[in-house]
PDB file of N, CA and C in Angstrom:
ATOM      1  N   MET A   1       0.845  -1.188   0.000  1.00  0.00           N
ATOM      2  CA  MET A   1       0.000   0.000   0.000  1.00  0.00           C
ATOM      3  C   MET A   1       0.888   1.248   0.000  1.00  0.00           C
ATOM      4  N   ALA A   2       0.553   2.196  -0.848  1.00  0.00           N
ATOM      5  CA  ALA A   2       1.348   3.421  -0.962  1.00  0.00           C
ATOM      6  C   ALA A   2       1.101   4.320   0.242  1.00  0.00           C
ATOM      7  N   ASN A   3       2.167   4.961   0.696  1.00  0.00           N
ATOM      8  CA  ASN A   3       1.978   5.889   1.803  1.00  0.00           C
ATOM      9  C   ASN A   3       1.530   7.248   1.262  1.00  0.00           C
ATOM     10  N   ASN A   4       1.154   8.113   2.157  1.00  0.00           N
ATOM     11  CA  ASN A   4       0.620   9.421   1.765  1.00  0.00           C
ATOM     12  C   ASN A   4       1.605  10.241   0.950  1.00  0.00           C
ATOM     13  N   ASP A   5       2.882  10.164   1.288  1.00  0.00           N
ATOM     14  CA  ASP A   5       3.889  10.930   0.547  1.00  0.00           C
ATOM     15  C   ASP A   5       3.961  10.488  -0.910  1.00  0.00           C
ATOM     16  N   ASP A   6       3.867   9.176  -1.142  1.00  0.00           N
ATOM     17  CA  ASP A   6       3.888   8.674  -2.520  1.00  0.00           C
ATOM     18  C   ASP A   6       2.668   9.145  -3.301  1.00  0.00           C
ATOM     19  N   VAL A   7       1.527   9.105  -2.657  1.00  0.00           N
ATOM     20  CA  VAL A   7       0.286   9.546  -3.304  1.00  0.00           C
ATOM     21  C   VAL A   7       0.369  11.028  -3.636  1.00  0.00           C
ATOM     22  N   LEU A   8       0.824  11.819  -2.677  1.00  0.00           N
ATOM     23  CA  LEU A   8       0.949  13.257  -2.914  1.00  0.00           C
ATOM     24  C   LEU A   8       1.952  13.557  -4.023  1.00  0.00           C
ATOM     25  N   GLU A   9       3.026  12.796  -4.064  1.00  0.00           N
ATOM     26  CA  GLU A   9       4.036  12.984  -5.109  1.00  0.00           C
ATOM     27  C   GLU A   9       3.456  12.675  -6.492  1.00  0.00           C
ATOM     28  N   ARG A  10       2.661  11.619  -6.584  1.00  0.00           N
ATOM     29  CA  ARG A  10       2.033  11.283  -7.873  1.00  0.00           C
ATOM     30  C   ARG A  10       1.013  12.338  -8.278  1.00  0.00           C
ATOM     31  N   ILE A  11       0.251  12.837  -7.327  1.00  0.00           N
ATOM     32  CA  ILE A  11      -0.724  13.896  -7.619  1.00  0.00           C
ATOM     33  C   ILE A  11      -0.003  15.145  -8.102  1.00  0.00           C
ATOM     34  N   GLU A  12       1.075  15.509  -7.419  1.00  0.00           N
ATOM     35  CA  GLU A  12       1.857  16.680  -7.821  1.00  0.00           C
ATOM     36  C   GLU A  12       2.414  16.513  -9.232  1.00  0.00           C
ATOM     37  N   SER A  13       2.888  15.333  -9.540  1.00  0.00           N
ATOM     38  CA  SER A  13       3.433  15.059 -10.869  1.00  0.00           C
ATOM     39  C   SER A  13       2.357  15.200 -11.944  1.00  0.00           C
ATOM     40  N   LYS A  14       1.179  14.676 -11.674  1.00  0.00           N
ATOM     41  CA  LYS A  14       0.076  14.771 -12.644  1.00  0.00           C
ATOM     42  C   LYS A  14      -0.378  16.219 -12.816  1.00  0.00           C
ATOM     43  N   LEU A  15      -0.446  16.966 -11.732  1.00  0.00           N
ATOM     44  CA  LEU A  15      -0.825  18.381 -11.826  1.00  0.00           C
ATOM     45  C   LEU A  15       0.204  19.165 -12.632  1.00  0.00           C
ATOM     46  N   ASP A  16       1.477  18.851 -12.429  1.00  0.00           N
ATOM     47  CA  ASP A  16       2.539  19.502 -13.194  1.00  0.00           C
ATOM     48  C   ASP A  16       2.368  19.212 -14.684  1.00  0.00           C
ATOM     49  N   GLN A  17       2.067  17.969 -15.017  1.00  0.00           N
ATOM     50  CA  GLN A  17       1.841  17.606 -16.418  1.00  0.00           C
ATOM     51  C   GLN A  17       0.658  18.371 -16.999  1.00  0.00           C
ATOM     52  N   MET A  18      -0.414  18.482 -16.231  1.00  0.00           N
ATOM     53  CA  MET A  18      -1.604  19.195 -16.709  1.00  0.00           C
ATOM     54  C   MET A  18      -1.310  20.675 -16.932  1.00  0.00           C
ATOM     55  N   LEU A  19      -0.559  21.287 -16.010  1.00  0.00           N
ATOM     56  CA  LEU A  19      -0.188  22.694 -16.163  1.00  0.00           C
ATOM     57  C   LEU A  19       0.659  22.909 -17.411  1.00  0.00           C
ATOM     58  N   ARG A  20       1.602  22.019 -17.638  1.00  0.00           N
ATOM     59  CA  ARG A  20       2.458  22.123 -18.817  1.00  0.00           C
ATOM     60  C   ARG A  20       1.645  21.989 -20.102  1.00  0.00           C
ATOM     61  N   LEU A  21       0.733  21.028 -20.126  1.00  0.00           N
ATOM     62  CA  LEU A  21      -0.112  20.851 -21.310  1.00  0.00           C
ATOM     63  C   LEU A  21      -0.982  22.081 -21.563  1.00  0.00           C
ATOM     64  N   ALA A  22      -1.564  22.622 -20.507  1.00  0.00           N
ATOM     65  CA  ALA A  22      -2.396  23.819 -20.655  1.00  0.00           C
ATOM     66  C   ALA A  22      -1.563  24.994 -21.163  1.00  0.00           C
ATOM     67  N   ALA A  23      -0.369  25.155 -20.618  1.00  0.00           N
ATOM     68  CA  ALA A  23       0.507  26.250 -21.050  1.00  0.00           C
ATOM     69  C   ALA A  23       0.912  26.084 -22.505  1.00  0.00           C
ATOM     70  N   LEU A  24       1.231  24.866 -22.901  1.00  0.00           N
ATOM     71  CA  LEU A  24       1.597  24.618 -24.301  1.00  0.00           C
ATOM     72  C   LEU A  24       0.425  24.897 -25.233  1.00  0.00           C
ATOM     73  N   GLN A  25      -0.760  24.493 -24.819  1.00  0.00           N
ATOM     74  CA  GLN A  25      -1.944  24.728 -25.641  1.00  0.00           C
ATOM     75  C   GLN A  25      -2.226  26.230 -25.773  1.00  0.00           C
ATOM     76  N   MET A  26      -2.060  26.974 -24.691  1.00  0.00           N
ATOM     77  CA  MET A  26      -2.320  28.418 -24.710  1.00  0.00           C
ATOM     78  C   MET A  26      -1.335  29.165 -25.590  1.00  0.00           C
ATOM     79  N   THR A  27      -0.116  28.676 -25.695  1.00  0.00           N
ATOM     80  CA  THR A  27       0.921  29.420 -26.410  1.00  0.00           C
ATOM     81  C   THR A  27       1.210  28.877 -27.806  1.00  0.00           C
ATOM     82  N   THR A  28       0.504  27.838 -28.214  1.00  0.00           N
ATOM     83  CA  THR A  28       0.727  27.270 -29.546  1.00  0.00           C
ATOM     84  C   THR A  28       0.433  28.321 -30.608  1.00  0.00           C
ATOM     85  N   GLY A  29       1.380  28.518 -31.502  1.00  0.00           N
ATOM     86  CA  GLY A  29       1.212  29.481 -32.587  1.00  0.00           C
ATOM     87  C   GLY A  29       1.558  30.915 -32.220  1.00  0.00           C
ATOM     88  N   MET A  30       1.875  31.161 -30.955  1.00  0.00           N
ATOM     89  CA  MET A  30       2.228  32.516 -30.530  1.00  0.00           C
ATOM     90  C   MET A  30       3.708  32.765 -30.772  1.00  0.00           C
ATOM     91  N   LYS A  31       4.040  34.020 -31.012  1.00  0.00           N
ATOM     92  CA  LYS A  31       5.450  34.398 -31.064  1.00  0.00           C
ATOM     93  C   LYS A  31       5.996  34.350 -29.641  1.00  0.00           C
ATOM     94  N   GLN A  32       7.322  34.333 -29.536  1.00  0.00           N
ATOM     95  CA  GLN A  32       7.966  34.114 -28.248  1.00  0.00           C
ATOM     96  C   GLN A  32       7.651  35.204 -27.215  1.00  0.00           C
ATOM     97  N   THR A  33       7.719  36.466 -27.600  1.00  0.00           N
ATOM     98  CA  THR A  33       7.518  37.547 -26.622  1.00  0.00           C
ATOM     99  C   THR A  33       6.115  37.528 -26.017  1.00  0.00           C
ATOM    100  N   PRO A  34       5.046  37.458 -26.823  1.00  0.00           N
ATOM    101  CA  PRO A  34       3.721  37.385 -26.200  1.00  0.00           C
ATOM    102  C   PRO A  34       3.517  36.114 -25.369  1.00  0.00           C
ATOM    103  N   ALA A  35       4.142  35.021 -25.786  1.00  0.00           N
ATOM    104  CA  ALA A  35       4.030  33.779 -25.020  1.00  0.00           C
ATOM    105  C   ALA A  35       4.704  33.937 -23.658  1.00  0.00           C
ATOM    106  N   ILE A  36       5.869  34.558 -23.635  1.00  0.00           N
ATOM    107  CA  ILE A  36       6.569  34.802 -22.370  1.00  0.00           C
ATOM    108  C   ILE A  36       5.736  35.721 -21.489  1.00  0.00           C
ATOM    109  N   GLN A  37       5.152  36.744 -22.081  1.00  0.00           N
ATOM    110  CA  GLN A  37       4.321  37.676 -21.320  1.00  0.00           C
ATOM    111  C   GLN A  37       3.122  36.942 -20.708  1.00  0.00           C
ATOM    112  N   LEU A  38       2.455  36.123 -21.490  1.00  0.00           N
ATOM    113  CA  LEU A  38       1.289  35.386 -21.008  1.00  0.00           C
ATOM    114  C   LEU A  38       1.659  34.429 -19.876  1.00  0.00           C
ATOM    115  N   LEU A  39       2.717  33.683 -20.062  1.00  0.00           N
ATOM    116  CA  LEU A  39       3.121  32.713 -19.045  1.00  0.00           C
ATOM    117  C   LEU A  39       3.642  33.400 -17.782  1.00  0.00           C
ATOM    118  N   THR A  40       4.259  34.566 -17.933  1.00  0.00           N
ATOM    119  CA  THR A  40       4.713  35.336 -16.771  1.00  0.00           C
ATOM    120  C   THR A  40       3.514  35.815 -15.961  1.00  0.00           C
ATOM    121  N   VAL A  41       2.525  36.359 -16.651  1.00  0.00           N
ATOM    122  CA  VAL A  41       1.309  36.829 -15.975  1.00  0.00           C
ATOM    123  C   VAL A  41       0.595  35.662 -15.284  1.00  0.00           C
ATOM    124  N   ALA A  42       0.681  34.482 -15.892  1.00  0.00           N
ATOM    125  CA  ALA A  42       0.051  33.292 -15.310  1.00  0.00           C
ATOM    126  C   ALA A  42       0.816  32.762 -14.096  1.00  0.00           C
ATOM    127  N   GLY A  43       2.008  33.314 -13.839  1.00  0.00           N
ATOM    128  CA  GLY A  43       2.748  32.950 -12.640  1.00  0.00           C
ATOM    129  C   GLY A  43       3.831  31.897 -12.822  1.00  0.00           C
ATOM    130  N   PHE A  44       4.146  31.546 -14.066  1.00  0.00           N
ATOM    131  CA  PHE A  44       5.202  30.568 -14.308  1.00  0.00           C
ATOM    132  C   PHE A  44       6.565  31.229 -14.095  1.00  0.00           C
ATOM    133  N   ASP A  45       7.526  30.468 -13.543  1.00  0.00           N
ATOM    134  CA  ASP A  45       8.862  31.035 -13.363  1.00  0.00           C
ATOM    135  C   ASP A  45       9.656  30.920 -14.663  1.00  0.00           C
ATOM    136  N   ARG A  46      10.765  31.640 -14.725  1.00  0.00           N
ATOM    137  CA  ARG A  46      11.523  31.745 -15.970  1.00  0.00           C
ATOM    138  C   ARG A  46      12.090  30.412 -16.435  1.00  0.00           C
ATOM    139  N   HIS A  47      12.389  29.531 -15.504  1.00  0.00           N
ATOM    140  CA  HIS A  47      12.932  28.223 -15.882  1.00  0.00           C
ATOM    141  C   HIS A  47      11.864  27.361 -16.559  1.00  0.00           C
ATOM    142  N   LEU A  48      10.662  27.381 -16.020  1.00  0.00           N
ATOM    143  CA  LEU A  48       9.583  26.605 -16.624  1.00  0.00           C
ATOM    144  C   LEU A  48       9.175  27.202 -17.968  1.00  0.00           C
ATOM    145  N   ILE A  49       9.111  28.531 -18.045  1.00  0.00           N
ATOM    146  CA  ILE A  49       8.788  29.190 -19.316  1.00  0.00           C
ATOM    147  C   ILE A  49       9.823  28.810 -20.367  1.00  0.00           C
ATOM    148  N   ALA A  50      11.078  28.857 -19.998  1.00  0.00           N
ATOM    149  CA  ALA A  50      12.148  28.497 -20.935  1.00  0.00           C
ATOM    150  C   ALA A  50      11.998  27.056 -21.404  1.00  0.00           C
ATOM    151  N   ASP A  51      11.690  26.181 -20.491  1.00  0.00           N
ATOM    152  CA  ASP A  51      11.506  24.773 -20.840  1.00  0.00           C
ATOM    153  C   ASP A  51      10.324  24.598 -21.795  1.00  0.00           C
ATOM    154  N   LEU A  52       9.225  25.274 -21.515  1.00  0.00           N
ATOM    155  CA  LEU A  52       8.029  25.157 -22.353  1.00  0.00           C
ATOM    156  C   LEU A  52       8.242  25.724 -23.750  1.00  0.00           C
ATOM    157  N   LEU A  53       9.003  26.817 -23.837  1.00  0.00           N
ATOM    158  CA  LEU A  53       9.185  27.501 -25.119  1.00  0.00           C
ATOM    159  C   LEU A  53      10.483  27.102 -25.815  1.00  0.00           C
ATOM    160  N   ASP A  54      11.182  26.147 -25.258  1.00  0.00           N
ATOM    161  CA  ASP A  54      12.432  25.647 -25.841  1.00  0.00           C
ATOM    162  C   ASP A  54      13.444  26.775 -26.063  1.00  0.00           C
ATOM    163  N   THR A  55      13.668  27.515 -24.993  1.00  0.00           N
ATOM    164  CA  THR A  55      14.651  28.601 -25.016  1.00  0.00           C
ATOM    165  C   THR A  55      15.411  28.563 -23.694  1.00  0.00           C
ATOM    166  N   THR A  56      16.193  29.587 -23.422  1.00  0.00           N
ATOM    167  CA  THR A  56      16.972  29.608 -22.182  1.00  0.00           C
ATOM    168  C   THR A  56      16.309  30.502 -21.140  1.00  0.00           C
ATOM    169  N   PRO A  57      16.551  30.227 -19.853  1.00  0.00           N
ATOM    170  CA  PRO A  57      16.040  31.107 -18.809  1.00  0.00           C
ATOM    171  C   PRO A  57      16.549  32.543 -18.963  1.00  0.00           C
ATOM    172  N   ASN A  58      17.773  32.710 -19.469  1.00  0.00           N
ATOM    173  CA  ASN A  58      18.310  34.050 -19.679  1.00  0.00           C
ATOM    174  C   ASN A  58      17.494  34.806 -20.732  1.00  0.00           C
ATOM    175  N   THR A  59      17.128  34.132 -21.813  1.00  0.00           N
ATOM    176  CA  THR A  59      16.301  34.768 -22.843  1.00  0.00           C
ATOM    177  C   THR A  59      14.968  35.209 -22.251  1.00  0.00           C
ATOM    178  N   VAL A  60      14.393  34.360 -21.419  1.00  0.00           N
ATOM    179  CA  VAL A  60      13.121  34.699 -20.772  1.00  0.00           C
ATOM    180  C   VAL A  60      13.306  35.913 -19.870  1.00  0.00           C
ATOM    181  N   SER A  61      14.379  35.944 -19.082  1.00  0.00           N
ATOM    182  CA  SER A  61      14.642  37.079 -18.185  1.00  0.00           C
ATOM    183  C   SER A  61      14.808  38.382 -18.948  1.00  0.00           C
ATOM    184  N   VAL A  62      15.546  38.340 -20.036  1.00  0.00           N
ATOM    185  CA  VAL A  62      15.757  39.546 -20.844  1.00  0.00           C
ATOM    186  C   VAL A  62      14.427  40.028 -21.416  1.00  0.00           C
ATOM    187  N   THR A  63      13.622  39.107 -21.915  1.00  0.00           N
ATOM    188  CA  THR A  63      12.321  39.481 -22.476  1.00  0.00           C
ATOM    189  C   THR A  63      11.417  40.053 -21.396  1.00  0.00           C
ATOM    190  N   GLN A  64      11.397  39.435 -20.222  1.00  0.00           N
ATOM    191  CA  GLN A  64      10.587  39.943 -19.120  1.00  0.00           C
ATOM    192  C   GLN A  64      11.023  41.352 -18.727  1.00  0.00           C
ATOM    193  N   SER A  65      12.313  41.580 -18.683  1.00  0.00           N
ATOM    194  CA  SER A  65      12.841  42.900 -18.345  1.00  0.00           C
ATOM    195  C   SER A  65      12.438  43.937 -19.388  1.00  0.00           C
ATOM    196  N   THR A  66      12.548  43.569 -20.651  1.00  0.00           N
ATOM    197  CA  THR A  66      12.161  44.474 -21.738  1.00  0.00           C
ATOM    198  C   THR A  66      10.676  44.806 -21.656  1.00  0.00           C
ATOM    199  N   LEU A  67       9.849  43.804 -21.397  1.00  0.00           N
ATOM    200  CA  LEU A  67       8.406  44.029 -21.272  1.00  0.00           C
ATOM    201  C   LEU A  67       8.092  44.930 -20.079  1.00  0.00           C
ATOM    202  N   LYS A  68       8.804  44.718 -18.976  1.00  0.00           N
ATOM    203  CA  LYS A  68       8.590  45.529 -17.775  1.00  0.00           C
ATOM    204  C   LYS A  68       8.952  46.993 -18.034  1.00  0.00           C
ATOM    205  N   LYS A  69      10.076  47.213 -18.716  1.00  0.00           N
ATOM    206  CA  LYS A  69      10.494  48.582 -19.045  1.00  0.00           C
ATOM    207  C   LYS A  69       9.502  49.244 -19.991  1.00  0.00           C
ATOM    208  N   ALA A  70       9.013  48.506 -20.973  1.00  0.00           N
ATOM    209  CA  ALA A  70       8.047  49.058 -21.924  1.00  0.00           C
ATOM    210  C   ALA A  70       6.751  49.431 -21.220  1.00  0.00           C
ATOM    211  N   LYS A  71       6.329  48.599 -20.267  1.00  0.00           N
ATOM    212  CA  LYS A  71       5.107  48.892 -19.518  1.00  0.00           C
ATOM    213  C   LYS A  71       5.292  50.131 -18.647  1.00  0.00           C
ATOM    214  N   ALA A  72       6.448  50.244 -17.996  1.00  0.00           N
ATOM    215  CA  ALA A  72       6.728  51.408 -17.154  1.00  0.00           C
ATOM    216  C   ALA A  72       6.763  52.679 -17.989  1.00  0.00           C
ATOM    217  N   LYS A  73       7.361  52.587 -19.166  1.00  0.00           N
ATOM    218  CA  LYS A  73       7.429  53.747 -20.053  1.00  0.00           C
ATOM    219  C   LYS A  73       6.035  54.148 -20.516  1.00  0.00           C
ATOM    220  N   GLN A  74       5.217  53.156 -20.830  1.00  0.00           N
ATOM    221  CA  GLN A  74       3.853  53.426 -21.281  1.00  0.00           C
ATOM    222  C   GLN A  74       3.037  54.061 -20.156  1.00  0.00           C
ATOM    223  N   ASN A  75       3.221  53.589 -18.938  1.00  0.00           N
ATOM    224  CA  ASN A  75       2.476  54.127 -17.801  1.00  0.00           C
ATOM    225  C   ASN A  75       2.947  55.517 -17.397  1.00  0.00           C
ATOM    226  N   SER A  76       4.171  55.895 -17.778  1.00  0.00           N
ATOM    227  CA  SER A  76       4.688  57.203 -17.391  1.00  0.00           C
ATOM    228  C   SER A  76       4.297  58.300 -18.375  1.00  0.00           C
ATOM    229  N   LYS A  77       3.749  57.922 -19.520  1.00  0.00           N
ATOM    230  CA  LYS A  77       3.325  58.934 -20.487  1.00  0.00           C
ATOM    231  C   LYS A  77       2.146  59.705 -19.912  1.00  0.00           C
ATOM    232  N   PRO A  78       2.181  61.036 -20.039  1.00  0.00           N
ATOM    233  CA  PRO A  78       1.042  61.804 -19.537  1.00  0.00           C
ATOM    234  C   PRO A  78      -0.189  61.529 -20.395  1.00  0.00           C
ATOM    235  N   ARG A  79      -1.290  61.394 -19.737  1.00  0.00           N
ATOM    236  CA  ARG A  79      -2.538  61.157 -20.451  1.00  0.00           C
ATOM    237  C   ARG A  79      -3.107  62.474 -20.933  1.00  0.00           C
ATOM    238  N   GLN A  80      -3.620  62.433 -22.136  1.00  0.00           N
ATOM    239  CA  GLN A  80      -4.276  63.618 -22.660  1.00  0.00           C
ATOM    240  C   GLN A  80      -5.724  63.588 -22.202  1.00  0.00           C
ATOM    241  N   PRO A  81      -6.235  64.745 -21.804  1.00  0.00           N
ATOM    242  CA  PRO A  81      -7.627  64.768 -21.347  1.00  0.00           C
ATOM    243  C   PRO A  81      -8.570  64.421 -22.496  1.00  0.00           C
ATOM    244  N   GLU A  82      -9.645  63.747 -22.134  1.00  0.00           N
ATOM    245  CA  GLU A  82     -10.629  63.393 -23.146  1.00  0.00           C
ATOM    246  C   GLU A  82     -11.444  64.625 -23.512  1.00  0.00           C
ATOM    247  N   MET A  83     -11.768  64.722 -24.771  1.00  0.00           N
ATOM    248  CA  MET A  83     -12.591  65.827 -25.240  1.00  0.00           C
ATOM    249  C   MET A  83     -14.056  65.494 -24.976  1.00  0.00           C
ATOM    250  N   VAL A  84     -14.734  66.408 -24.358  1.00  0.00           N
ATOM    251  CA  VAL A  84     -16.157  66.231 -24.093  1.00  0.00           C
ATOM    252  C   VAL A  84     -16.896  67.265 -24.911  1.00  0.00           C
ATOM    253  N   GLU A  85     -17.830  66.787 -25.693  1.00  0.00           N
ATOM    254  CA  GLU A  85     -18.594  67.713 -26.530  1.00  0.00           C
ATOM    255  C   GLU A  85     -19.681  68.373 -25.706  1.00  0.00           C
ATOM    256  N   ALA A  86     -19.823  69.670 -25.908  1.00  0.00           N
ATOM    257  CA  ALA A  86     -20.873  70.411 -25.216  1.00  0.00           C
ATOM    258  C   ALA A  86     -22.207  70.114 -25.882  1.00  0.00           C
ATOM    259  N   GLU A  87     -23.224  70.038 -25.065  1.00  0.00           N
ATOM    260  CA  GLU A  87     -24.560  69.766 -25.615  1.00  0.00           C
ATOM    261  C   GLU A  87     -25.243  71.027 -26.035  1.00  0.00           C
TER     262      GLU A  87
END
């Protein structure tokens, strides 16, 4: 009879497989940068993203950094007030 640790280990392994399959399905046909962005937002670490996308963790880190800088730059742009037409 399997002990609880063995059962939990098998459950964890199956959940890991399911997560990987879902991530692969979500990113199929996507270019690398949007795929990295999606998987980062989903909470995957750079090593798992690299493994899923067949690239290196360093490539993932550089892309994440570039995306973060682009987002910060976009958020720092002053917003133009919306034009409201008078009735």
